[in-house]
């Protein structure tokens, strides 16, 4: 599942390539990919001009100027969702795994259509007017972004929970944007155990964690994220996976102390840790 750096990369690609273009046609190939009636979904988007594409945690938000006023397209890519550019097809001639498509004007050199590709069909596309978006975001209860949250608020939110630190960081209502890769990398950089009780962290420890997480996020965004089998930006993949210190490196030597990196499961999620640098399985 794409995390903050990958979603930010996709968002920047979409913003650069689609802002200023108008959605002429909408095709919903897999009805369940949209969280409303397909007619309502299409009605809100057809004729709308794309003003800006931005990121909300791990969600992507298209700000549109529709015929009847402001309109919004909100999407979460989940496990295998991707946006690609390509030809506009008709009827049943869409390529495999294309679940929705948007015909843009003026067309792009890579193709006139923005295509939503999703092998596992877990992703969702939602269209809203202003009032509907406000209601949905209130119900979603997203926490602040780790790139902008103040250290005091980050400390308060993280330590308010009594669960394990990794699980708290993955909770999008606490802070929005962390995922499995960057929690492991950030905790290693901050020398904190993922099994540590979140409520036990001092201000110095949450401050160090936030500094390291931001450093990693900024670097990963510059490298266009960590490319996996399920992530690829519109303008190519990323290279940050080459800089991973612990994630995906179980059995290899810790780059700091030389101990063997250990993999185990925390809350159903694969977790990578140096038991020496991070204080063991506390």
C-alpha atoms as a PDB file:
ATOM      1  CA  UNK A   1       0.000   0.000   0.000  1.00  0.00           C
ATOM      2  CA  UNK A   2       1.496   3.388  -0.932  1.00  0.00           C
ATOM      3  CA  UNK A   3       2.470   5.478   2.088  1.00  0.00           C
ATOM      4  CA  UNK A   4       3.040   9.202   2.525  1.00  0.00           C
ATOM      5  CA  UNK A   5       6.077   9.564   0.189  1.00  0.00           C
ATOM      6  CA  UNK A   6       4.530   7.450  -2.558  1.00  0.00           C
ATOM      7  CA  UNK A   7       1.137   9.180  -2.302  1.00  0.00           C
ATOM      8  CA  UNK A   8       2.879  12.568  -2.298  1.00  0.00           C
ATOM      9  CA  UNK A   9       4.804  11.561  -5.427  1.00  0.00           C
ATOM     10  CA  UNK A  10       1.630  10.431  -7.201  1.00  0.00           C
ATOM     11  CA  UNK A  11      -0.122  13.621  -6.069  1.00  0.00           C
ATOM     12  CA  UNK A  12       2.650  15.823  -7.471  1.00  0.00           C
ATOM     13  CA  UNK A  13       2.586  13.908 -10.766  1.00  0.00           C
ATOM     14  CA  UNK A  14      -1.191  14.258 -11.015  1.00  0.00           C
ATOM     15  CA  UNK A  15      -1.094  17.942 -10.124  1.00  0.00           C
ATOM     16  CA  UNK A  16       1.557  18.666 -12.759  1.00  0.00           C
ATOM     17  CA  UNK A  17      -0.085  16.636 -15.510  1.00  0.00           C
ATOM     18  CA  UNK A  18      -3.804  17.244 -14.989  1.00  0.00           C
ATOM     19  CA  UNK A  19      -4.270  20.708 -13.456  1.00  0.00           C
ATOM     20  CA  UNK A  20      -6.054  23.004 -15.898  1.00  0.00           C
ATOM     21  CA  UNK A  21      -7.661  20.142 -17.798  1.00  0.00           C
ATOM     22  CA  UNK A  22     -11.383  19.444 -17.966  1.00  0.00           C
ATOM     23  CA  UNK A  23     -13.052  16.065 -17.444  1.00  0.00           C
ATOM     24  CA  UNK A  24     -15.115  15.493 -20.592  1.00  0.00           C
ATOM     25  CA  UNK A  25     -16.298  11.945 -19.936  1.00  0.00           C
ATOM     26  CA  UNK A  26     -16.302   9.469 -17.055  1.00  0.00           C
ATOM     27  CA  UNK A  27     -16.400   5.672 -17.397  1.00  0.00           C
ATOM     28  CA  UNK A  28     -16.935   3.427 -14.372  1.00  0.00           C
ATOM     29  CA  UNK A  29     -16.016  -0.102 -15.394  1.00  0.00           C
ATOM     30  CA  UNK A  30     -16.273  -1.660 -11.917  1.00  0.00           C
ATOM     31  CA  UNK A  31     -19.245  -0.109 -10.150  1.00  0.00           C
ATOM     32  CA  UNK A  32     -18.099  -0.951  -6.620  1.00  0.00           C
ATOM     33  CA  UNK A  33     -14.924   1.113  -7.063  1.00  0.00           C
ATOM     34  CA  UNK A  34     -17.050   4.244  -6.560  1.00  0.00           C
ATOM     35  CA  UNK A  35     -18.746   4.752  -3.217  1.00  0.00           C
ATOM     36  CA  UNK A  36     -21.970   6.184  -4.669  1.00  0.00           C
ATOM     37  CA  UNK A  37     -24.334   5.660  -7.562  1.00  0.00           C
ATOM     38  CA  UNK A  38     -22.317   5.769 -10.775  1.00  0.00           C
ATOM     39  CA  UNK A  39     -24.737   8.292 -12.272  1.00  0.00           C
ATOM     40  CA  UNK A  40     -24.216  10.666  -9.345  1.00  0.00           C
ATOM     41  CA  UNK A  41     -20.447  10.106  -9.504  1.00  0.00           C
ATOM     42  CA  UNK A  42     -20.342  10.966 -13.202  1.00  0.00           C
ATOM     43  CA  UNK A  43     -22.737  13.894 -12.832  1.00  0.00           C
ATOM     44  CA  UNK A  44     -20.460  15.605 -10.317  1.00  0.00           C
ATOM     45  CA  UNK A  45     -17.323  15.158 -12.420  1.00  0.00           C
ATOM     46  CA  UNK A  46     -18.291  15.604 -16.097  1.00  0.00           C
ATOM     47  CA  UNK A  47     -17.511  19.134 -17.210  1.00  0.00           C
ATOM     48  CA  UNK A  48     -15.407  19.899 -14.128  1.00  0.00           C
ATOM     49  CA  UNK A  49     -12.001  21.560 -14.503  1.00  0.00           C
ATOM     50  CA  UNK A  50      -9.152  20.295 -12.332  1.00  0.00           C
ATOM     51  CA  UNK A  51      -7.863  23.189 -10.194  1.00  0.00           C
ATOM     52  CA  UNK A  52      -5.426  21.410  -7.879  1.00  0.00           C
ATOM     53  CA  UNK A  53      -4.466  17.922  -6.713  1.00  0.00           C
ATOM     54  CA  UNK A  54      -3.391  17.621  -3.080  1.00  0.00           C
ATOM     55  CA  UNK A  55      -2.723  14.971  -0.441  1.00  0.00           C
ATOM     56  CA  UNK A  56      -4.644  14.308   2.777  1.00  0.00           C
ATOM     57  CA  UNK A  57      -2.687  11.695   4.708  1.00  0.00           C
ATOM     58  CA  UNK A  58      -2.708   8.745   2.311  1.00  0.00           C
ATOM     59  CA  UNK A  59      -5.719  10.070   0.376  1.00  0.00           C
ATOM     60  CA  UNK A  60      -5.498  12.017  -2.902  1.00  0.00           C
ATOM     61  CA  UNK A  61      -7.883  14.954  -3.354  1.00  0.00           C
ATOM     62  CA  UNK A  62      -8.758  16.493  -6.726  1.00  0.00           C
ATOM     63  CA  UNK A  63     -10.123  20.016  -6.295  1.00  0.00           C
ATOM     64  CA  UNK A  64     -12.459  20.694  -9.219  1.00  0.00           C
ATOM     65  CA  UNK A  65     -14.465  23.584 -10.551  1.00  0.00           C
ATOM     66  CA  UNK A  66     -17.675  21.934 -11.722  1.00  0.00           C
ATOM     67  CA  UNK A  67     -20.520  23.389 -13.780  1.00  0.00           C
ATOM     68  CA  UNK A  68     -22.550  23.840 -10.589  1.00  0.00           C
ATOM     69  CA  UNK A  69     -19.676  24.920  -8.339  1.00  0.00           C
ATOM     70  CA  UNK A  70     -16.815  23.318  -6.388  1.00  0.00           C
ATOM     71  CA  UNK A  71     -16.579  19.539  -6.742  1.00  0.00           C
ATOM     72  CA  UNK A  72     -14.101  17.062  -5.283  1.00  0.00           C
ATOM     73  CA  UNK A  73     -12.754  13.652  -6.256  1.00  0.00           C
ATOM     74  CA  UNK A  74     -11.210  11.800  -3.333  1.00  0.00           C
ATOM     75  CA  UNK A  75      -9.369   8.516  -3.743  1.00  0.00           C
ATOM     76  CA  UNK A  76      -7.493   5.991  -1.633  1.00  0.00           C
ATOM     77  CA  UNK A  77      -5.325   3.583  -3.624  1.00  0.00           C
ATOM     78  CA  UNK A  78      -5.332   0.835  -0.970  1.00  0.00           C
ATOM     79  CA  UNK A  79      -3.281  -2.243  -1.955  1.00  0.00           C
ATOM     80  CA  UNK A  80      -2.921  -2.091  -5.739  1.00  0.00           C
ATOM     81  CA  UNK A  81      -4.524   1.109  -7.006  1.00  0.00           C
ATOM     82  CA  UNK A  82      -2.610   3.191  -9.567  1.00  0.00           C
ATOM     83  CA  UNK A  83      -3.258   6.071 -11.922  1.00  0.00           C
ATOM     84  CA  UNK A  84      -1.926   5.749 -15.471  1.00  0.00           C
ATOM     85  CA  UNK A  85      -2.359   7.675 -18.705  1.00  0.00           C
ATOM     86  CA  UNK A  86      -3.600   5.962 -21.842  1.00  0.00           C
ATOM     87  CA  UNK A  87      -6.167   5.799 -24.622  1.00  0.00           C
ATOM     88  CA  UNK A  88      -9.877   6.307 -24.146  1.00  0.00           C
ATOM     89  CA  UNK A  89     -11.662   3.043 -24.912  1.00  0.00           C
ATOM     90  CA  UNK A  90     -15.298   2.321 -25.529  1.00  0.00           C
ATOM     91  CA  UNK A  91     -17.839  -0.267 -24.381  1.00  0.00           C
ATOM     92  CA  UNK A  92     -16.114  -3.475 -23.252  1.00  0.00           C
ATOM     93  CA  UNK A  93     -12.695  -2.796 -24.801  1.00  0.00           C
ATOM     94  CA  UNK A  94     -10.962  -1.456 -21.693  1.00  0.00           C
ATOM     95  CA  UNK A  95      -7.615  -3.094 -20.831  1.00  0.00           C
ATOM     96  CA  UNK A  96      -7.570  -5.588 -17.934  1.00  0.00           C
ATOM     97  CA  UNK A  97      -7.800  -4.128 -14.413  1.00  0.00           C
ATOM     98  CA  UNK A  98      -8.873  -0.645 -15.527  1.00  0.00           C
ATOM     99  CA  UNK A  99     -11.715   0.099 -13.111  1.00  0.00           C
ATOM    100  CA  UNK A 100     -12.501   3.727 -14.000  1.00  0.00           C
ATOM    101  CA  UNK A 101     -11.429   6.296 -16.586  1.00  0.00           C
ATOM    102  CA  UNK A 102     -11.580  10.045 -17.085  1.00  0.00           C
ATOM    103  CA  UNK A 103     -11.325  11.635 -20.546  1.00  0.00           C
ATOM    104  CA  UNK A 104      -9.336  14.875 -20.273  1.00  0.00           C
ATOM    105  CA  UNK A 105      -9.259  17.987 -22.429  1.00  0.00           C
ATOM    106  CA  UNK A 106      -6.802  19.091 -23.637  1.00  0.00           C
ATOM    107  CA  UNK A 107      -5.340  15.583 -23.973  1.00  0.00           C
ATOM    108  CA  UNK A 108      -1.886  14.660 -22.706  1.00  0.00           C
ATOM    109  CA  UNK A 109       0.882  13.368 -24.941  1.00  0.00           C
ATOM    110  CA  UNK A 110       0.848  10.032 -23.086  1.00  0.00           C
ATOM    111  CA  UNK A 111      -2.862   9.618 -23.743  1.00  0.00           C
ATOM    112  CA  UNK A 112      -6.137  11.513 -23.443  1.00  0.00           C
ATOM    113  CA  UNK A 113      -7.472   9.464 -20.526  1.00  0.00           C
ATOM    114  CA  UNK A 114      -6.545   9.275 -16.857  1.00  0.00           C
ATOM    115  CA  UNK A 115      -7.097   5.604 -16.024  1.00  0.00           C
ATOM    116  CA  UNK A 116      -7.585   4.079 -12.592  1.00  0.00           C
ATOM    117  CA  UNK A 117      -5.902   0.658 -12.535  1.00  0.00           C
ATOM    118  CA  UNK A 118      -6.495  -1.711  -9.607  1.00  0.00           C
ATOM    119  CA  UNK A 119      -5.853  -5.455  -9.735  1.00  0.00           C
ATOM    120  CA  UNK A 120      -7.423  -6.295  -6.367  1.00  0.00           C
ATOM    121  CA  UNK A 121     -10.187  -3.667  -6.556  1.00  0.00           C
ATOM    122  CA  UNK A 122      -9.740  -2.529  -2.941  1.00  0.00           C
ATOM    123  CA  UNK A 123      -9.293   1.142  -3.814  1.00  0.00           C
ATOM    124  CA  UNK A 124     -12.150   3.616  -3.777  1.00  0.00           C
ATOM    125  CA  UNK A 125     -13.068   6.748  -5.730  1.00  0.00           C
ATOM    126  CA  UNK A 126     -15.519   9.196  -4.146  1.00  0.00           C
ATOM    127  CA  UNK A 127     -17.077  12.322  -5.645  1.00  0.00           C
ATOM    128  CA  UNK A 128     -18.481  15.078  -3.402  1.00  0.00           C
ATOM    129  CA  UNK A 129     -19.842  18.566  -3.388  1.00  0.00           C
ATOM    130  CA  UNK A 130     -18.439  20.884  -0.697  1.00  0.00           C
ATOM    131  CA  UNK A 131     -20.908  19.957   2.048  1.00  0.00           C
ATOM    132  CA  UNK A 132     -20.571  16.226   1.405  1.00  0.00           C
ATOM    133  CA  UNK A 133     -16.765  16.426   1.520  1.00  0.00           C
ATOM    134  CA  UNK A 134     -16.827  18.299   4.828  1.00  0.00           C
ATOM    135  CA  UNK A 135     -19.114  15.651   6.335  1.00  0.00           C
ATOM    136  CA  UNK A 136     -16.990  12.790   5.065  1.00  0.00           C
ATOM    137  CA  UNK A 137     -13.730  14.288   6.371  1.00  0.00           C
ATOM    138  CA  UNK A 138     -15.330  14.874   9.769  1.00  0.00           C
ATOM    139  CA  UNK A 139     -16.361  11.221   9.919  1.00  0.00           C
ATOM    140  CA  UNK A 140     -12.936  10.085   8.686  1.00  0.00           C
ATOM    141  CA  UNK A 141     -11.223  11.809  11.653  1.00  0.00           C
ATOM    142  CA  UNK A 142      -7.808  12.010  10.027  1.00  0.00           C
ATOM    143  CA  UNK A 143      -5.025  13.080  12.344  1.00  0.00           C
ATOM    144  CA  UNK A 144      -2.555  15.841  11.450  1.00  0.00           C
ATOM    145  CA  UNK A 145       0.116  15.341   8.807  1.00  0.00           C
ATOM    146  CA  UNK A 146       3.548  14.320  10.171  1.00  0.00           C
ATOM    147  CA  UNK A 147       5.222  16.889   7.909  1.00  0.00           C
ATOM    148  CA  UNK A 148       3.351  19.790   9.511  1.00  0.00           C
ATOM    149  CA  UNK A 149       2.201  18.691  12.978  1.00  0.00           C
ATOM    150  CA  UNK A 150       3.740  20.654  15.855  1.00  0.00           C
ATOM    151  CA  UNK A 151       6.033  18.635  18.170  1.00  0.00           C
ATOM    152  CA  UNK A 152       3.801  19.357  21.169  1.00  0.00           C
ATOM    153  CA  UNK A 153       0.710  18.019  19.425  1.00  0.00           C
ATOM    154  CA  UNK A 154       2.598  14.996  18.104  1.00  0.00           C
ATOM    155  CA  UNK A 155       3.734  14.165  21.646  1.00  0.00           C
ATOM    156  CA  UNK A 156       0.243  14.614  23.047  1.00  0.00           C
ATOM    157  CA  UNK A 157      -1.405  12.447  20.401  1.00  0.00           C
ATOM    158  CA  UNK A 158       1.135   9.621  20.486  1.00  0.00           C
ATOM    159  CA  UNK A 159       1.355   9.369  24.273  1.00  0.00           C
ATOM    160  CA  UNK A 160      -2.415   9.552  24.765  1.00  0.00           C
ATOM    161  CA  UNK A 161      -2.620   5.921  23.626  1.00  0.00           C
ATOM    162  CA  UNK A 162      -1.540   2.953  25.750  1.00  0.00           C
ATOM    163  CA  UNK A 163      -0.930   0.551  22.887  1.00  0.00           C
ATOM    164  CA  UNK A 164       2.335  -0.456  21.277  1.00  0.00           C
ATOM    165  CA  UNK A 165       4.148   2.372  19.556  1.00  0.00           C
ATOM    166  CA  UNK A 166       4.004   0.844  16.080  1.00  0.00           C
ATOM    167  CA  UNK A 167       0.247   0.353  16.222  1.00  0.00           C
ATOM    168  CA  UNK A 168      -0.287   3.903  17.433  1.00  0.00           C
ATOM    169  CA  UNK A 169       1.760   5.356  14.573  1.00  0.00           C
ATOM    170  CA  UNK A 170      -0.212   3.283  12.055  1.00  0.00           C
ATOM    171  CA  UNK A 171      -3.488   4.684  13.405  1.00  0.00           C
ATOM    172  CA  UNK A 172      -4.467   7.351  10.854  1.00  0.00           C
ATOM    173  CA  UNK A 173      -6.604   9.176  13.428  1.00  0.00           C
ATOM    174  CA  UNK A 174      -3.488   9.834  15.521  1.00  0.00           C
ATOM    175  CA  UNK A 175      -1.285  11.064  12.682  1.00  0.00           C
ATOM    176  CA  UNK A 176      -2.090  10.588   8.992  1.00  0.00           C
ATOM    177  CA  UNK A 177       0.482   9.240   6.561  1.00  0.00           C
ATOM    178  CA  UNK A 178       2.579   6.590   8.288  1.00  0.00           C
ATOM    179  CA  UNK A 179       2.539   3.045   6.940  1.00  0.00           C
ATOM    180  CA  UNK A 180       4.466  -0.143   7.602  1.00  0.00           C
ATOM    181  CA  UNK A 181       7.669   0.780   5.752  1.00  0.00           C
ATOM    182  CA  UNK A 182       8.167   4.231   7.196  1.00  0.00           C
ATOM    183  CA  UNK A 183       7.168   3.314  10.747  1.00  0.00           C
ATOM    184  CA  UNK A 184       9.916   0.680  10.769  1.00  0.00           C
ATOM    185  CA  UNK A 185      12.444   3.064   9.223  1.00  0.00           C
ATOM    186  CA  UNK A 186      11.518   5.974  11.522  1.00  0.00           C
ATOM    187  CA  UNK A 187      11.605   3.882  14.696  1.00  0.00           C
ATOM    188  CA  UNK A 188      15.016   2.516  13.768  1.00  0.00           C
ATOM    189  CA  UNK A 189      16.366   5.995  13.072  1.00  0.00           C
ATOM    190  CA  UNK A 190      14.978   7.226  16.406  1.00  0.00           C
ATOM    191  CA  UNK A 191      16.304   4.106  18.234  1.00  0.00           C
ATOM    192  CA  UNK A 192      12.862   3.204  19.587  1.00  0.00           C
ATOM    193  CA  UNK A 193      11.289  -0.234  19.846  1.00  0.00           C
ATOM    194  CA  UNK A 194       7.997  -0.789  17.975  1.00  0.00           C
ATOM    195  CA  UNK A 195       6.811  -2.732  21.038  1.00  0.00           C
ATOM    196  CA  UNK A 196       7.378   0.157  23.410  1.00  0.00           C
ATOM    197  CA  UNK A 197       4.243   1.473  25.105  1.00  0.00           C
ATOM    198  CA  UNK A 198       3.393   4.688  23.281  1.00  0.00           C
ATOM    199  CA  UNK A 199       2.269   6.337  26.519  1.00  0.00           C
ATOM    200  CA  UNK A 200       5.741   5.825  28.039  1.00  0.00           C
ATOM    201  CA  UNK A 201       7.595   8.044  25.564  1.00  0.00           C
ATOM    202  CA  UNK A 202       9.172  11.234  26.849  1.00  0.00           C
ATOM    203  CA  UNK A 203       9.006  14.562  25.041  1.00  0.00           C
ATOM    204  CA  UNK A 204      12.614  14.101  24.013  1.00  0.00           C
ATOM    205  CA  UNK A 205      11.793  10.708  22.472  1.00  0.00           C
ATOM    206  CA  UNK A 206       8.715  11.867  20.531  1.00  0.00           C
ATOM    207  CA  UNK A 207      10.680  14.927  19.416  1.00  0.00           C
ATOM    208  CA  UNK A 208      13.492  12.719  18.125  1.00  0.00           C
ATOM    209  CA  UNK A 209      10.991  10.411  16.413  1.00  0.00           C
ATOM    210  CA  UNK A 210       9.287  13.314  14.636  1.00  0.00           C
ATOM    211  CA  UNK A 211      12.602  14.771  13.470  1.00  0.00           C
ATOM    212  CA  UNK A 212      13.756  11.415  12.072  1.00  0.00           C
ATOM    213  CA  UNK A 213      10.394  10.650  10.473  1.00  0.00           C
ATOM    214  CA  UNK A 214      10.358  14.012   8.705  1.00  0.00           C
ATOM    215  CA  UNK A 215      13.925  13.555   7.509  1.00  0.00           C
ATOM    216  CA  UNK A 216      13.027  10.141   6.086  1.00  0.00           C
ATOM    217  CA  UNK A 217       9.796  11.378   4.508  1.00  0.00           C
ATOM    218  CA  UNK A 218      11.489  14.354   2.840  1.00  0.00           C
ATOM    219  CA  UNK A 219      14.301  12.168   1.490  1.00  0.00           C
ATOM    220  CA  UNK A 220      11.873   9.507   0.288  1.00  0.00           C
ATOM    221  CA  UNK A 221       9.730  12.105  -1.495  1.00  0.00           C
ATOM    222  CA  UNK A 222      12.846  13.445  -3.222  1.00  0.00           C
ATOM    223  CA  UNK A 223      13.595   9.858  -4.325  1.00  0.00           C
ATOM    224  CA  UNK A 224       9.979   9.410  -5.503  1.00  0.00           C
ATOM    225  CA  UNK A 225       9.201   6.876  -2.789  1.00  0.00           C
ATOM    226  CA  UNK A 226       9.957   3.196  -2.342  1.00  0.00           C
ATOM    227  CA  UNK A 227       9.054   1.237  -5.462  1.00  0.00           C
ATOM    228  CA  UNK A 228       7.330  -2.081  -4.808  1.00  0.00           C
ATOM    229  CA  UNK A 229       5.323  -4.346  -7.069  1.00  0.00           C
ATOM    230  CA  UNK A 230       2.191  -2.304  -6.312  1.00  0.00           C
ATOM    231  CA  UNK A 231       3.515   1.247  -6.606  1.00  0.00           C
ATOM    232  CA  UNK A 232       4.517   3.227  -9.664  1.00  0.00           C
ATOM    233  CA  UNK A 233       4.122   6.963 -10.158  1.00  0.00           C
ATOM    234  CA  UNK A 234       2.773   8.491 -13.361  1.00  0.00           C
ATOM    235  CA  UNK A 235       6.295   9.644 -14.222  1.00  0.00           C
ATOM    236  CA  UNK A 236       8.138   6.550 -13.029  1.00  0.00           C
ATOM    237  CA  UNK A 237       8.954   4.725  -9.833  1.00  0.00           C
ATOM    238  CA  UNK A 238      11.125   5.562  -6.876  1.00  0.00           C
ATOM    239  CA  UNK A 239      14.501   4.548  -5.503  1.00  0.00           C
ATOM    240  CA  UNK A 240      14.186   5.058  -1.758  1.00  0.00           C
ATOM    241  CA  UNK A 241      13.965   1.290  -1.227  1.00  0.00           C
ATOM    242  CA  UNK A 242      17.734   1.294  -1.848  1.00  0.00           C
ATOM    243  CA  UNK A 243      18.160   3.368   1.335  1.00  0.00           C
ATOM    244  CA  UNK A 244      16.034   1.215   3.655  1.00  0.00           C
ATOM    245  CA  UNK A 245      17.943   0.526   6.851  1.00  0.00           C
ATOM    246  CA  UNK A 246      15.764  -2.248   8.324  1.00  0.00           C
ATOM    247  CA  UNK A 247      12.559  -2.723   6.338  1.00  0.00           C
ATOM    248  CA  UNK A 248      12.773  -5.806   4.131  1.00  0.00           C
ATOM    249  CA  UNK A 249      16.318  -6.534   5.381  1.00  0.00           C
ATOM    250  CA  UNK A 250      15.642  -9.366   7.845  1.00  0.00           C
ATOM    251  CA  UNK A 251      18.718 -11.562   8.198  1.00  0.00           C
ATOM    252  CA  UNK A 252      21.069  -8.808   7.044  1.00  0.00           C
ATOM    253  CA  UNK A 253      23.445  -6.878   9.250  1.00  0.00           C
ATOM    254  CA  UNK A 254      22.340  -3.693  10.977  1.00  0.00           C
ATOM    255  CA  UNK A 255      24.075  -0.762   9.249  1.00  0.00           C
ATOM    256  CA  UNK A 256      24.913   0.750  12.652  1.00  0.00           C
ATOM    257  CA  UNK A 257      25.967  -2.055  15.002  1.00  0.00           C
ATOM    258  CA  UNK A 258      26.281  -5.104  12.740  1.00  0.00           C
ATOM    259  CA  UNK A 259      23.701  -7.217  14.603  1.00  0.00           C
ATOM    260  CA  UNK A 260      21.267  -9.291  12.553  1.00  0.00           C
ATOM    261  CA  UNK A 261      18.045  -7.500  11.681  1.00  0.00           C
ATOM    262  CA  UNK A 262      15.029  -9.386  13.019  1.00  0.00           C
ATOM    263  CA  UNK A 263      11.574  -9.711  11.522  1.00  0.00           C
ATOM    264  CA  UNK A 264       8.488 -10.508  13.572  1.00  0.00           C
ATOM    265  CA  UNK A 265       4.775  -9.695  13.584  1.00  0.00           C
ATOM    266  CA  UNK A 266       3.245  -6.810  15.513  1.00  0.00           C
ATOM    267  CA  UNK A 267      -0.514  -6.434  15.300  1.00  0.00           C
ATOM    268  CA  UNK A 268      -0.605  -8.534  12.166  1.00  0.00           C
ATOM    269  CA  UNK A 269       2.029  -6.399  10.429  1.00  0.00           C
ATOM    270  CA  UNK A 270       5.511  -7.485   9.401  1.00  0.00           C
ATOM    271  CA  UNK A 271       8.005  -5.589  11.555  1.00  0.00           C
ATOM    272  CA  UNK A 272      11.763  -5.159  11.150  1.00  0.00           C
ATOM    273  CA  UNK A 273      14.026  -4.195  14.030  1.00  0.00           C
ATOM    274  CA  UNK A 274      17.599  -4.190  15.281  1.00  0.00           C
ATOM    275  CA  UNK A 275      17.283  -5.659  18.764  1.00  0.00           C
ATOM    276  CA  UNK A 276      20.519  -3.960  19.832  1.00  0.00           C
ATOM    277  CA  UNK A 277      19.943  -0.441  18.515  1.00  0.00           C
ATOM    278  CA  UNK A 278      16.249  -0.357  19.388  1.00  0.00           C
ATOM    279  CA  UNK A 279      16.322  -1.900  22.826  1.00  0.00           C
ATOM    280  CA  UNK A 280      14.987  -5.344  22.026  1.00  0.00           C
ATOM    281  CA  UNK A 281      11.412  -6.660  22.222  1.00  0.00           C
ATOM    282  CA  UNK A 282      10.291  -4.462  25.093  1.00  0.00           C
END
